[in-house]
Amino acid sequence: MQIKHIFALFTLVLCPYSYASNPWKLSLTDPKEKVTLTIDLHEESIEVPGMEMFGPMNGYLGGNIYGVWAVTSFKIKKDKAILRLSNDLGSETQEAELTQTSDSSYTLKLLGSTVVKRAEGRKLVKITSTLKMIRNRD
C-alpha cells in the first residue's frame, strides 16, 4: 500500500515539471477554421505529412488549408514564438506569431500579407489572419 501512495505522490509532484520543461511541444487546433498546428520547438521530432523524405522537422500547419506548411525556422521570445512556415512546394513562406493566452488556448497570427489559402469551390481563398487555437489532448 505504501509504495502505491509514494508512486502517486511522486507522479503528482513531477507532472507539472514535465509540462514546464517542454512548453513548446504541442498540438493545437482552430475548431472554427479546422486548421491544426503541431510543433516541437525543442528538437526536430515531427514527421511532416508528405515531406517524410526531409526527415523529422520542428512541426507543420495543416488541416483545412491548401497543402502542408512546414516550420522551417523559429525564434522564441518570452511567451511568444515567431514561426517561419514554408509550403510543401517551397514556393511561398509565411511568418506567424504564436502566443499563449491561457493554459490551453493560443493565438496564431499570420504576419504580413496572408499567403496561406484553402480551397472553396474552385477557388483558393486566404484564411483568416488570426486563428484562435486550443490545445489538443495528447
Protein backbone atom coordinates (compact mmCIF):
# COMPACT_ATOMS: atom_id res chain seq x y z
CA MET A 1 0.00 0.00 0.00
CA GLN A 2 2.71 2.48 0.92
CA ILE A 3 4.55 2.01 -2.36
CA LYS A 4 1.39 2.92 -4.32
CA HIS A 5 1.00 6.09 -2.24
CA ILE A 6 4.64 7.04 -2.75
CA PHE A 7 4.37 6.44 -6.51
CA ALA A 8 1.17 8.53 -6.73
CA LEU A 9 2.77 11.38 -4.80
CA PHE A 10 5.90 11.17 -6.94
CA THR A 11 3.78 11.36 -10.12
CA LEU A 12 1.78 14.35 -8.86
CA VAL A 13 4.92 16.23 -7.92
CA LEU A 14 6.72 15.65 -11.24
CA CYS A 15 3.76 16.15 -13.62
CA PRO A 16 3.91 19.97 -13.63
CA TYR A 17 7.67 19.88 -14.27
CA SER A 18 7.31 17.67 -17.33
CA TYR A 19 4.98 20.22 -18.97
CA ALA A 20 7.02 23.22 -17.85
CA SER A 21 10.24 21.72 -19.17
CA ASN A 22 8.79 21.37 -22.68
CA PRO A 23 6.15 24.09 -23.19
CA TRP A 24 6.74 24.39 -26.94
CA LYS A 25 5.90 20.80 -27.82
CA LEU A 26 2.18 20.74 -28.54
CA SER A 27 -0.63 20.13 -30.97
CA LEU A 28 -3.24 22.87 -31.49
CA THR A 29 -6.49 23.14 -33.45
CA ASP A 30 -8.68 26.02 -34.51
CA PRO A 31 -12.09 24.27 -34.47
CA LYS A 32 -13.81 27.00 -36.48
CA GLU A 33 -11.27 27.08 -39.35
CA LYS A 34 -10.34 23.36 -38.97
CA VAL A 35 -6.62 24.17 -39.04
CA THR A 36 -4.05 22.31 -36.95
CA LEU A 37 -0.58 23.27 -35.79
CA THR A 38 1.76 20.59 -34.49
CA ILE A 39 5.13 21.79 -33.18
CA ASP A 40 8.16 20.75 -31.16
CA LEU A 41 10.45 23.75 -30.88
CA HIS A 42 12.94 21.89 -28.69
CA GLU A 43 14.01 19.31 -31.25
CA GLU A 44 13.23 18.15 -34.77
CA SER A 45 10.95 15.23 -33.90
CA ILE A 46 7.84 15.62 -36.06
CA GLU A 47 7.28 13.85 -39.36
CA VAL A 48 5.54 16.27 -41.72
CA PRO A 49 2.88 14.54 -43.88
CA GLY A 50 4.05 14.42 -47.49
CA MET A 51 7.55 15.61 -46.54
CA GLU A 52 8.90 12.45 -44.90
CA MET A 53 11.91 12.47 -47.27
CA PHE A 54 13.27 15.52 -45.38
CA GLY A 55 13.24 13.66 -42.05
CA PRO A 56 11.87 14.99 -38.77
CA MET A 57 11.20 18.72 -38.56
CA ASN A 58 10.03 21.20 -35.90
CA GLY A 59 6.39 20.99 -36.98
CA TYR A 60 3.75 21.89 -39.51
CA LEU A 61 0.47 23.68 -40.18
CA GLY A 62 -2.21 21.56 -41.86
CA GLY A 63 -5.89 20.73 -41.95
CA ASN A 64 -8.43 22.69 -43.99
CA ILE A 65 -5.76 24.57 -45.96
CA TYR A 66 -4.16 24.10 -49.35
CA GLY A 67 -1.11 21.87 -48.85
CA VAL A 68 1.03 21.45 -45.76
CA TRP A 69 3.16 24.25 -44.32
CA ALA A 70 6.37 23.11 -42.57
CA VAL A 71 8.08 25.06 -39.78
CA THR A 72 11.43 25.93 -41.37
CA SER A 73 12.75 28.23 -38.63
CA PHE A 74 11.60 29.88 -35.40
CA LYS A 75 12.54 32.28 -32.61
CA ILE A 76 11.24 32.07 -29.05
CA LYS A 77 10.74 35.39 -27.26
CA LYS A 78 9.46 35.01 -23.67
CA ASP A 79 5.86 33.77 -24.06
CA LYS A 80 5.77 34.02 -27.88
CA ALA A 81 7.19 32.02 -30.74
CA ILE A 82 7.77 33.51 -34.18
CA LEU A 83 7.47 30.74 -36.77
CA ARG A 84 8.61 30.75 -40.39
CA LEU A 85 6.36 28.44 -42.42
CA SER A 86 7.05 27.21 -45.96
CA ASN A 87 4.54 25.47 -48.19
CA ASP A 88 5.09 21.94 -49.46
CA LEU A 89 6.36 23.24 -52.81
CA GLY A 90 8.82 25.64 -51.18
CA SER A 91 7.46 28.49 -53.30
CA GLU A 92 5.83 30.56 -50.53
CA THR A 93 6.66 31.48 -46.95
CA GLN A 94 4.58 32.90 -44.13
CA GLU A 95 5.67 34.29 -40.77
CA ALA A 96 3.38 33.61 -37.83
CA GLU A 97 3.36 34.61 -34.17
CA LEU A 98 2.14 32.03 -31.65
CA THR A 99 1.11 33.40 -28.25
CA GLN A 100 -0.29 31.52 -25.27
CA THR A 101 -3.44 33.25 -23.97
CA SER A 102 -4.40 30.75 -21.22
CA ASP A 103 -3.48 27.24 -20.08
CA SER A 104 -4.98 25.58 -23.16
CA SER A 105 -5.61 28.50 -25.55
CA TYR A 106 -3.25 30.07 -28.07
CA THR A 107 -3.47 32.71 -30.78
CA LEU A 108 -1.69 32.21 -34.10
CA LYS A 109 -1.32 35.48 -36.03
CA LEU A 110 -0.18 35.32 -39.63
CA LEU A 111 2.16 38.29 -40.06
CA GLY A 112 2.35 40.44 -43.17
CA SER A 113 0.28 39.53 -46.17
CA THR A 114 -1.51 36.20 -45.66
CA VAL A 115 -0.41 33.63 -48.24
CA VAL A 116 -1.88 30.52 -46.59
CA LYS A 117 -5.03 29.59 -48.52
CA ARG A 118 -7.77 27.00 -48.60
CA ALA A 119 -9.93 25.71 -51.42
CA GLU A 120 -13.52 26.95 -51.53
CA GLY A 121 -15.34 25.56 -54.51
CA ARG A 122 -12.94 26.05 -57.41
CA LYS A 123 -11.06 28.99 -55.89
CA LEU A 124 -8.20 29.41 -53.45
CA VAL A 125 -9.03 31.99 -50.78
CA LYS A 126 -6.85 33.35 -47.99
CA ILE A 127 -7.56 32.06 -44.50
CA THR A 128 -8.21 34.48 -41.65
CA SER A 129 -5.04 36.12 -40.34
CA THR A 130 -5.77 35.35 -36.66
CA LEU A 131 -6.51 31.80 -35.55
CA LYS A 132 -7.82 31.05 -32.07
CA MET A 133 -6.34 27.67 -31.27
CA ILE A 134 -6.89 25.23 -28.42
CA ARG A 135 -4.52 22.58 -27.17
CA ASN A 136 -5.31 19.02 -28.26
CA ARG A 137 -5.22 16.29 -25.66
CA ASP A 138 -2.16 14.16 -26.27
